[in-house]
Amino acid sequence: MGRRLLSRVGCDCPLCGARVAGARLCPGCQADVTAAPTGAPPRCPRCGLRPPAGASHCAACLGEPRAFSRTVAAFDYEPPADALILMLKTQLRLSMAPVLARLMAAAVRADAPLPAGILLVPVPASRASLRQRGMNPAAEIARGLAAELALPVPSHALARRRETPRQATLGRGARQRGAAGLFLCTGRVRGRHVAVVDDVMTTGSTVNAAAHALLKAGASSVTVLVAARTP
C-alpha cells in the first residue's frame, strides 16, 4: 500500500525539482539520464558495457567467461545520473529506491521480456554497510522492481561467506579476487530463472560471484539487473 501511495502523491523530481506525480523523474530528466551518448554503440547484451566504437564484440566478455547470460542496465554511472545512486547510498534517501526501480523496469521492458517465473534476488550487503546505512540498497531497489514488474517479493537467496573491503577502494584484479567464492545460495533456486539485482555494476565481479553460487545451487540461468553500469 505504501508504494502505491508513493506512486501517486505529488513530489519533486530529484534532479531538477519539477513537480511530478510520485517517485519518479520528470520526463525531461528521465530522457537525459537514460539516453545513450551520441554515437555510442549498443550495450554488450551479456555484461552491459558499451564497447569502443567500431568494435564488433565486447573485449571484457571475450577475455573472461561470465556466469550470467544477460545484463540490463538503466543508465551509465556518470553525471547527472550518478546523483540518483548517491542520494540512495550516501544521503540515505530511501525515496530513491522506487525511482531507480522505475528506471530499471523501463529498461527491462525496452530490452526483452524476462523469463516466466523469474526470481529476483538482491546482492547481499556487507555487515559494515548495513551498520552504516541501516538498509541494503540492492534489496530496496529489488522490492520496488518487483512491484513495477508485477513479480513476487524478492527472495533473499544469497548470503555472504565473508566480509570484504569496500569495492570502491579496490582495482579490477582485487575486486575479482575478493569476489571469488563470496556468496552462498541459501534459498530454493533449482530449476528457476534468477535475476540478480544490484545498484551499480563496475567490473561485474560481484554479480558474477552471485551467479556462480546460484548456478551451483541449480538455477537454470542468471540475468543481471542493475540501475547503473560504469562506462
C-alpha atoms as a PDB file:
ATOM      1  CA  MET A   1       0.000   0.000   0.000  1.00  0.00           C
ATOM      2  CA  GLY A   2       2.800   2.421   0.861  1.00  0.00           C
ATOM      3  CA  ARG A   3       4.441   2.029  -2.538  1.00  0.00           C
ATOM      4  CA  ARG A   4       1.115   2.528  -4.327  1.00  0.00           C
ATOM      5  CA  LEU A   5       0.514   5.743  -2.424  1.00  0.00           C
ATOM      6  CA  LEU A   6       4.050   6.916  -3.103  1.00  0.00           C
ATOM      7  CA  SER A   7       3.465   6.451  -6.834  1.00  0.00           C
ATOM      8  CA  ARG A   8       0.510   8.864  -6.703  1.00  0.00           C
ATOM      9  CA  VAL A   9       1.495  11.532  -4.195  1.00  0.00           C
ATOM     10  CA  GLY A  10       2.886  14.695  -5.782  1.00  0.00           C
ATOM     11  CA  CYS A  11       6.568  15.317  -5.151  1.00  0.00           C
ATOM     12  CA  ASP A  12       9.607  16.907  -6.777  1.00  0.00           C
ATOM     13  CA  CYS A  13      11.835  15.422  -9.468  1.00  0.00           C
ATOM     14  CA  PRO A  14      15.035  14.555  -7.547  1.00  0.00           C
ATOM     15  CA  LEU A  15      17.261  16.037 -10.259  1.00  0.00           C
ATOM     16  CA  CYS A  16      15.591  19.278 -11.368  1.00  0.00           C
ATOM     17  CA  GLY A  17      12.885  19.896  -8.768  1.00  0.00           C
ATOM     18  CA  ALA A  18       9.985  19.915 -11.230  1.00  0.00           C
ATOM     19  CA  ARG A  19       6.672  18.723  -9.813  1.00  0.00           C
ATOM     20  CA  VAL A  20       5.932  15.070 -10.655  1.00  0.00           C
ATOM     21  CA  ALA A  21       3.299  12.523  -9.669  1.00  0.00           C
ATOM     22  CA  GLY A  22       5.012  10.064  -7.379  1.00  0.00           C
ATOM     23  CA  ALA A  23       8.519   8.679  -7.006  1.00  0.00           C
ATOM     24  CA  ARG A  24       9.904   9.301 -10.473  1.00  0.00           C
ATOM     25  CA  LEU A  25      11.936  11.647 -12.622  1.00  0.00           C
ATOM     26  CA  CYS A  26      10.277  14.256 -14.773  1.00  0.00           C
ATOM     27  CA  PRO A  27      10.109  13.244 -18.476  1.00  0.00           C
ATOM     28  CA  GLY A  28      12.992  15.555 -19.407  1.00  0.00           C
ATOM     29  CA  CYS A  29      15.350  14.257 -16.733  1.00  0.00           C
ATOM     30  CA  GLN A  30      14.432  10.646 -17.479  1.00  0.00           C
ATOM     31  CA  ALA A  31      15.235  11.177 -21.141  1.00  0.00           C
ATOM     32  CA  ASP A  32      18.585  12.782 -20.250  1.00  0.00           C
ATOM     33  CA  VAL A  33      19.535  10.044 -17.789  1.00  0.00           C
ATOM     34  CA  THR A  34      18.651   7.065 -19.972  1.00  0.00           C
ATOM     35  CA  ALA A  35      19.817   8.412 -23.351  1.00  0.00           C
ATOM     36  CA  ALA A  36      22.907   6.784 -24.829  1.00  0.00           C
ATOM     37  CA  PRO A  37      25.816   9.151 -25.566  1.00  0.00           C
ATOM     38  CA  THR A  38      25.840  10.478 -29.109  1.00  0.00           C
ATOM     39  CA  GLY A  39      27.305   7.865 -31.426  1.00  0.00           C
ATOM     40  CA  ALA A  40      27.673   5.293 -28.655  1.00  0.00           C
ATOM     41  CA  PRO A  41      27.330   1.647 -29.717  1.00  0.00           C
ATOM     42  CA  PRO A  42      24.679  -0.595 -28.166  1.00  0.00           C
ATOM     43  CA  ARG A  43      25.492  -2.231 -24.852  1.00  0.00           C
ATOM     44  CA  CYS A  44      27.006  -5.703 -24.796  1.00  0.00           C
ATOM     45  CA  PRO A  45      23.964  -7.919 -24.115  1.00  0.00           C
ATOM     46  CA  ARG A  46      25.939 -10.060 -21.673  1.00  0.00           C
ATOM     47  CA  CYS A  47      27.725  -7.510 -19.463  1.00  0.00           C
ATOM     48  CA  GLY A  48      26.018  -4.213 -20.318  1.00  0.00           C
ATOM     49  CA  LEU A  49      29.268  -2.447 -21.195  1.00  0.00           C
ATOM     50  CA  ARG A  50      29.373  -0.189 -24.230  1.00  0.00           C
ATOM     51  CA  PRO A  51      32.256  -1.477 -26.409  1.00  0.00           C
ATOM     52  CA  PRO A  52      34.563   1.003 -28.152  1.00  0.00           C
ATOM     53  CA  ALA A  53      33.256   2.489 -31.370  1.00  0.00           C
ATOM     54  CA  GLY A  54      33.792   0.108 -34.262  1.00  0.00           C
ATOM     55  CA  ALA A  55      34.271  -2.961 -32.066  1.00  0.00           C
ATOM     56  CA  SER A  56      32.064  -5.893 -33.042  1.00  0.00           C
ATOM     57  CA  HIS A  57      32.495  -7.757 -29.744  1.00  0.00           C
ATOM     58  CA  CYS A  58      32.877  -6.857 -26.065  1.00  0.00           C
ATOM     59  CA  ALA A  59      36.529  -7.411 -25.138  1.00  0.00           C
ATOM     60  CA  ALA A  60      35.657  -7.846 -21.458  1.00  0.00           C
ATOM     61  CA  CYS A  61      33.354 -10.803 -22.173  1.00  0.00           C
ATOM     62  CA  LEU A  62      35.738 -12.327 -24.709  1.00  0.00           C
ATOM     63  CA  GLY A  63      38.559 -12.135 -22.187  1.00  0.00           C
ATOM     64  CA  GLU A  64      36.787 -13.773 -19.250  1.00  0.00           C
ATOM     65  CA  PRO A  65      33.781 -16.114 -19.080  1.00  0.00           C
ATOM     66  CA  ARG A  66      30.647 -14.821 -17.348  1.00  0.00           C
ATOM     67  CA  ALA A  67      28.362 -16.984 -15.239  1.00  0.00           C
ATOM     68  CA  PHE A  68      25.387 -14.749 -16.042  1.00  0.00           C
ATOM     69  CA  SER A  69      23.854 -14.715 -19.505  1.00  0.00           C
ATOM     70  CA  ARG A  70      22.447 -11.202 -19.776  1.00  0.00           C
ATOM     71  CA  THR A  71      22.659  -7.738 -18.207  1.00  0.00           C
ATOM     72  CA  VAL A  72      20.082  -4.966 -18.305  1.00  0.00           C
ATOM     73  CA  ALA A  73      21.267  -1.543 -17.085  1.00  0.00           C
ATOM     74  CA  ALA A  74      19.029   1.511 -16.813  1.00  0.00           C
ATOM     75  CA  PHE A  75      21.764   4.122 -17.315  1.00  0.00           C
ATOM     76  CA  ASP A  76      25.501   4.786 -17.273  1.00  0.00           C
ATOM     77  CA  TYR A  77      27.092   5.678 -13.952  1.00  0.00           C
ATOM     78  CA  GLU A  78      28.107   9.229 -14.810  1.00  0.00           C
ATOM     79  CA  PRO A  79      26.679  12.727 -14.214  1.00  0.00           C
ATOM     80  CA  PRO A  80      23.893  13.575 -13.756  1.00  0.00           C
ATOM     81  CA  ALA A  81      22.528  10.045 -13.313  1.00  0.00           C
ATOM     82  CA  ASP A  82      25.115   9.035 -10.707  1.00  0.00           C
ATOM     83  CA  ALA A  83      23.493  11.524  -8.322  1.00  0.00           C
ATOM     84  CA  LEU A  84      20.493   9.193  -8.039  1.00  0.00           C
ATOM     85  CA  ILE A  85      22.707   6.388  -6.720  1.00  0.00           C
ATOM     86  CA  LEU A  86      24.497   8.725  -4.311  1.00  0.00           C
ATOM     87  CA  MET A  87      21.191  10.042  -2.957  1.00  0.00           C
ATOM     88  CA  LEU A  88      20.234   6.491  -2.019  1.00  0.00           C
ATOM     89  CA  LYS A  89      23.578   5.173  -0.785  1.00  0.00           C
ATOM     90  CA  THR A  90      25.226   8.276   0.686  1.00  0.00           C
ATOM     91  CA  GLN A  91      22.340  10.553   1.630  1.00  0.00           C
ATOM     92  CA  LEU A  92      20.189   7.535   2.609  1.00  0.00           C
ATOM     93  CA  ARG A  93      17.150   8.845   0.755  1.00  0.00           C
ATOM     94  CA  LEU A  94      15.015   5.709   0.564  1.00  0.00           C
ATOM     95  CA  SER A  95      12.648   7.515  -1.804  1.00  0.00           C
ATOM     96  CA  MET A  96      15.301   6.989  -4.495  1.00  0.00           C
ATOM     97  CA  ALA A  97      14.809   3.210  -4.483  1.00  0.00           C
ATOM     98  CA  PRO A  98      11.424   3.324  -6.274  1.00  0.00           C
ATOM     99  CA  VAL A  99      12.778   5.973  -8.653  1.00  0.00           C
ATOM    100  CA  LEU A 100      15.645   3.669  -9.627  1.00  0.00           C
ATOM    101  CA  ALA A 101      13.305   0.677  -9.783  1.00  0.00           C
ATOM    102  CA  ARG A 102      11.038   2.533 -12.199  1.00  0.00           C
ATOM    103  CA  LEU A 103      14.002   3.332 -14.479  1.00  0.00           C
ATOM    104  CA  MET A 104      15.161  -0.288 -14.349  1.00  0.00           C
ATOM    105  CA  ALA A 105      11.675  -1.585 -15.151  1.00  0.00           C
ATOM    106  CA  ALA A 106      11.545   0.690 -18.187  1.00  0.00           C
ATOM    107  CA  ALA A 107      14.928  -0.651 -19.331  1.00  0.00           C
ATOM    108  CA  VAL A 108      13.721  -4.251 -18.943  1.00  0.00           C
ATOM    109  CA  ARG A 109      10.578  -3.539 -20.970  1.00  0.00           C
ATOM    110  CA  ALA A 110      12.639  -1.883 -23.709  1.00  0.00           C
ATOM    111  CA  ASP A 111      15.173  -4.728 -23.822  1.00  0.00           C
ATOM    112  CA  ALA A 112      13.413  -8.099 -23.895  1.00  0.00           C
ATOM    113  CA  PRO A 113      10.920  -9.979 -21.714  1.00  0.00           C
ATOM    114  CA  LEU A 114      12.272 -11.705 -18.635  1.00  0.00           C
ATOM    115  CA  PRO A 115      11.755 -15.482 -18.438  1.00  0.00           C
ATOM    116  CA  ALA A 116       8.418 -16.511 -16.936  1.00  0.00           C
ATOM    117  CA  GLY A 117       8.542 -17.122 -13.201  1.00  0.00           C
ATOM    118  CA  ILE A 118      11.877 -15.368 -12.754  1.00  0.00           C
ATOM    119  CA  LEU A 119      13.063 -14.900  -9.181  1.00  0.00           C
ATOM    120  CA  LEU A 120      14.512 -11.532  -8.110  1.00  0.00           C
ATOM    121  CA  VAL A 121      17.496 -11.881  -5.763  1.00  0.00           C
ATOM    122  CA  PRO A 122      19.273  -8.761  -4.438  1.00  0.00           C
ATOM    123  CA  VAL A 123      23.017  -8.828  -3.835  1.00  0.00           C
ATOM    124  CA  PRO A 124      23.522  -9.081  -0.045  1.00  0.00           C
ATOM    125  CA  ALA A 125      25.153  -6.089   1.637  1.00  0.00           C
ATOM    126  CA  SER A 126      28.137  -6.461   3.918  1.00  0.00           C
ATOM    127  CA  ARG A 127      27.638  -6.183   7.675  1.00  0.00           C
ATOM    128  CA  ALA A 128      29.671  -2.960   7.677  1.00  0.00           C
ATOM    129  CA  SER A 129      27.411  -1.462   5.017  1.00  0.00           C
ATOM    130  CA  LEU A 130      24.275  -2.488   6.893  1.00  0.00           C
ATOM    131  CA  ARG A 131      25.595  -0.927  10.093  1.00  0.00           C
ATOM    132  CA  GLN A 132      26.468   2.283   8.272  1.00  0.00           C
ATOM    133  CA  ARG A 133      23.295   2.650   6.206  1.00  0.00           C
ATOM    134  CA  GLY A 134      20.711   0.658   8.109  1.00  0.00           C
ATOM    135  CA  MET A 135      19.498  -0.868   4.823  1.00  0.00           C
ATOM    136  CA  ASN A 136      20.652  -2.745   1.738  1.00  0.00           C
ATOM    137  CA  PRO A 137      20.283  -0.524  -1.364  1.00  0.00           C
ATOM    138  CA  ALA A 138      20.029  -3.545  -3.679  1.00  0.00           C
ATOM    139  CA  ALA A 139      17.217  -5.042  -1.598  1.00  0.00           C
ATOM    140  CA  GLU A 140      15.312  -1.747  -1.513  1.00  0.00           C
ATOM    141  CA  ILE A 141      15.576  -1.439  -5.301  1.00  0.00           C
ATOM    142  CA  ALA A 142      14.552  -5.088  -5.766  1.00  0.00           C
ATOM    143  CA  ARG A 143      11.357  -4.546  -3.777  1.00  0.00           C
ATOM    144  CA  GLY A 144      10.447  -1.597  -5.965  1.00  0.00           C
ATOM    145  CA  LEU A 145      11.327  -3.534  -9.108  1.00  0.00           C
ATOM    146  CA  ALA A 146       9.101  -6.435  -8.067  1.00  0.00           C
ATOM    147  CA  ALA A 147       6.195  -4.020  -7.718  1.00  0.00           C
ATOM    148  CA  GLU A 148       6.920  -2.362 -11.080  1.00  0.00           C
ATOM    149  CA  LEU A 149       7.144  -5.672 -12.969  1.00  0.00           C
ATOM    150  CA  ALA A 150       4.392  -7.463 -11.013  1.00  0.00           C
ATOM    151  CA  LEU A 151       6.835 -10.122  -9.790  1.00  0.00           C
ATOM    152  CA  PRO A 152       6.873 -11.928  -6.431  1.00  0.00           C
ATOM    153  CA  VAL A 153       8.552 -10.279  -3.465  1.00  0.00           C
ATOM    154  CA  PRO A 154      12.337 -10.656  -3.894  1.00  0.00           C
ATOM    155  CA  SER A 155      13.953 -13.711  -2.366  1.00  0.00           C
ATOM    156  CA  HIS A 156      16.985 -13.320  -0.099  1.00  0.00           C
ATOM    157  CA  ALA A 157      18.510 -16.474  -1.545  1.00  0.00           C
ATOM    158  CA  LEU A 158      22.138 -15.378  -1.194  1.00  0.00           C
ATOM    159  CA  ALA A 159      24.364 -14.921   1.842  1.00  0.00           C
ATOM    160  CA  ARG A 160      27.923 -13.687   2.190  1.00  0.00           C
ATOM    161  CA  ARG A 161      30.549 -16.207   3.244  1.00  0.00           C
ATOM    162  CA  ARG A 162      32.885 -13.482   4.484  1.00  0.00           C
ATOM    163  CA  GLU A 163      33.324  -9.727   4.746  1.00  0.00           C
ATOM    164  CA  THR A 164      35.323  -7.844   2.109  1.00  0.00           C
ATOM    165  CA  PRO A 165      36.861  -4.356   1.802  1.00  0.00           C
ATOM    166  CA  ARG A 166      34.765  -1.624   0.214  1.00  0.00           C
ATOM    167  CA  GLN A 167      34.675  -2.280  -3.522  1.00  0.00           C
ATOM    168  CA  ALA A 168      35.221   1.405  -4.338  1.00  0.00           C
ATOM    169  CA  THR A 169      38.722   1.176  -2.850  1.00  0.00           C
ATOM    170  CA  LEU A 170      39.801  -1.800  -4.994  1.00  0.00           C
ATOM    171  CA  GLY A 171      41.114  -2.183  -8.519  1.00  0.00           C
ATOM    172  CA  ARG A 172      39.766  -4.665 -11.049  1.00  0.00           C
ATOM    173  CA  GLY A 173      42.098  -7.508 -10.113  1.00  0.00           C
ATOM    174  CA  ALA A 174      41.494  -7.081  -6.389  1.00  0.00           C
ATOM    175  CA  ARG A 175      37.733  -6.995  -6.963  1.00  0.00           C
ATOM    176  CA  GLN A 176      37.870 -10.259  -8.884  1.00  0.00           C
ATOM    177  CA  ARG A 177      39.994 -11.996  -6.249  1.00  0.00           C
ATOM    178  CA  GLY A 178      37.869 -10.686  -3.405  1.00  0.00           C
ATOM    179  CA  ALA A 179      34.594 -11.720  -5.026  1.00  0.00           C
ATOM    180  CA  ALA A 180      35.639 -15.290  -5.861  1.00  0.00           C
ATOM    181  CA  GLY A 181      33.523 -17.678  -3.781  1.00  0.00           C
ATOM    182  CA  LEU A 182      31.999 -14.754  -1.899  1.00  0.00           C
ATOM    183  CA  PHE A 183      28.384 -15.947  -1.886  1.00  0.00           C
ATOM    184  CA  LEU A 184      26.456 -18.982  -0.734  1.00  0.00           C
ATOM    185  CA  CYS A 185      22.983 -19.787  -2.064  1.00  0.00           C
ATOM    186  CA  THR A 186      20.614 -20.246   0.874  1.00  0.00           C
ATOM    187  CA  GLY A 187      17.291 -20.395  -0.995  1.00  0.00           C
ATOM    188  CA  ARG A 188      15.451 -22.700  -3.368  1.00  0.00           C
ATOM    189  CA  VAL A 189      16.532 -21.843  -6.884  1.00  0.00           C
ATOM    190  CA  ARG A 190      16.824 -25.250  -8.554  1.00  0.00           C
ATOM    191  CA  GLY A 191      15.231 -25.102 -11.989  1.00  0.00           C
ATOM    192  CA  ARG A 192      14.420 -21.392 -11.604  1.00  0.00           C
ATOM    193  CA  HIS A 193      15.471 -18.459 -13.745  1.00  0.00           C
ATOM    194  CA  VAL A 194      17.042 -15.887 -11.414  1.00  0.00           C
ATOM    195  CA  ALA A 195      17.666 -12.161 -11.784  1.00  0.00           C
ATOM    196  CA  VAL A 196      20.409 -10.751  -9.560  1.00  0.00           C
ATOM    197  CA  VAL A 197      19.596  -7.141  -8.634  1.00  0.00           C
ATOM    198  CA  ASP A 198      22.241  -4.551  -7.724  1.00  0.00           C
ATOM    199  CA  ASP A 199      22.626  -0.781  -7.777  1.00  0.00           C
ATOM    200  CA  VAL A 200      25.903  -0.352  -9.713  1.00  0.00           C
ATOM    201  CA  MET A 201      27.927  -2.752 -11.846  1.00  0.00           C
ATOM    202  CA  THR A 202      31.580  -1.836 -12.318  1.00  0.00           C
ATOM    203  CA  THR A 203      33.716  -4.854 -13.220  1.00  0.00           C
ATOM    204  CA  GLY A 204      30.915  -7.406 -12.837  1.00  0.00           C
ATOM    205  CA  SER A 205      32.934  -9.386 -10.268  1.00  0.00           C
ATOM    206  CA  THR A 206      30.270  -9.233  -7.540  1.00  0.00           C
ATOM    207  CA  VAL A 207      27.314 -10.225  -9.712  1.00  0.00           C
ATOM    208  CA  ASN A 208      29.427 -12.914 -11.372  1.00  0.00           C
ATOM    209  CA  ALA A 209      30.194 -14.436  -7.971  1.00  0.00           C
ATOM    210  CA  ALA A 210      26.484 -14.303  -7.152  1.00  0.00           C
ATOM    211  CA  ALA A 211      25.663 -16.005 -10.450  1.00  0.00           C
ATOM    212  CA  HIS A 212      28.210 -18.765  -9.772  1.00  0.00           C
ATOM    213  CA  ALA A 213      26.590 -19.507  -6.397  1.00  0.00           C
ATOM    214  CA  LEU A 214      23.099 -19.579  -7.901  1.00  0.00           C
ATOM    215  CA  LEU A 215      24.076 -21.834 -10.807  1.00  0.00           C
ATOM    216  CA  LYS A 216      25.888 -24.164  -8.425  1.00  0.00           C
ATOM    217  CA  ALA A 217      22.628 -24.451  -6.471  1.00  0.00           C
ATOM    218  CA  GLY A 218      20.769 -25.455  -9.627  1.00  0.00           C
ATOM    219  CA  ALA A 219      19.444 -22.210 -11.107  1.00  0.00           C
ATOM    220  CA  SER A 220      18.559 -22.551 -14.798  1.00  0.00           C
ATOM    221  CA  SER A 221      20.022 -19.190 -15.776  1.00  0.00           C
ATOM    222  CA  VAL A 222      21.062 -15.880 -14.238  1.00  0.00           C
ATOM    223  CA  THR A 223      20.253 -12.409 -15.543  1.00  0.00           C
ATOM    224  CA  VAL A 224      21.728  -9.265 -14.005  1.00  0.00           C
ATOM    225  CA  LEU A 225      19.539  -6.192 -13.458  1.00  0.00           C
ATOM    226  CA  VAL A 226      21.351  -3.033 -12.370  1.00  0.00           C
ATOM    227  CA  ALA A 227      20.425   0.602 -12.106  1.00  0.00           C
ATOM    228  CA  ALA A 228      23.784   1.881 -13.331  1.00  0.00           C
ATOM    229  CA  ARG A 229      26.670   0.493 -15.373  1.00  0.00           C
ATOM    230  CA  THR A 230      30.098   2.080 -15.031  1.00  0.00           C
ATOM    231  CA  PRO A 231      31.307   3.022 -18.555  1.00  0.00           C
END
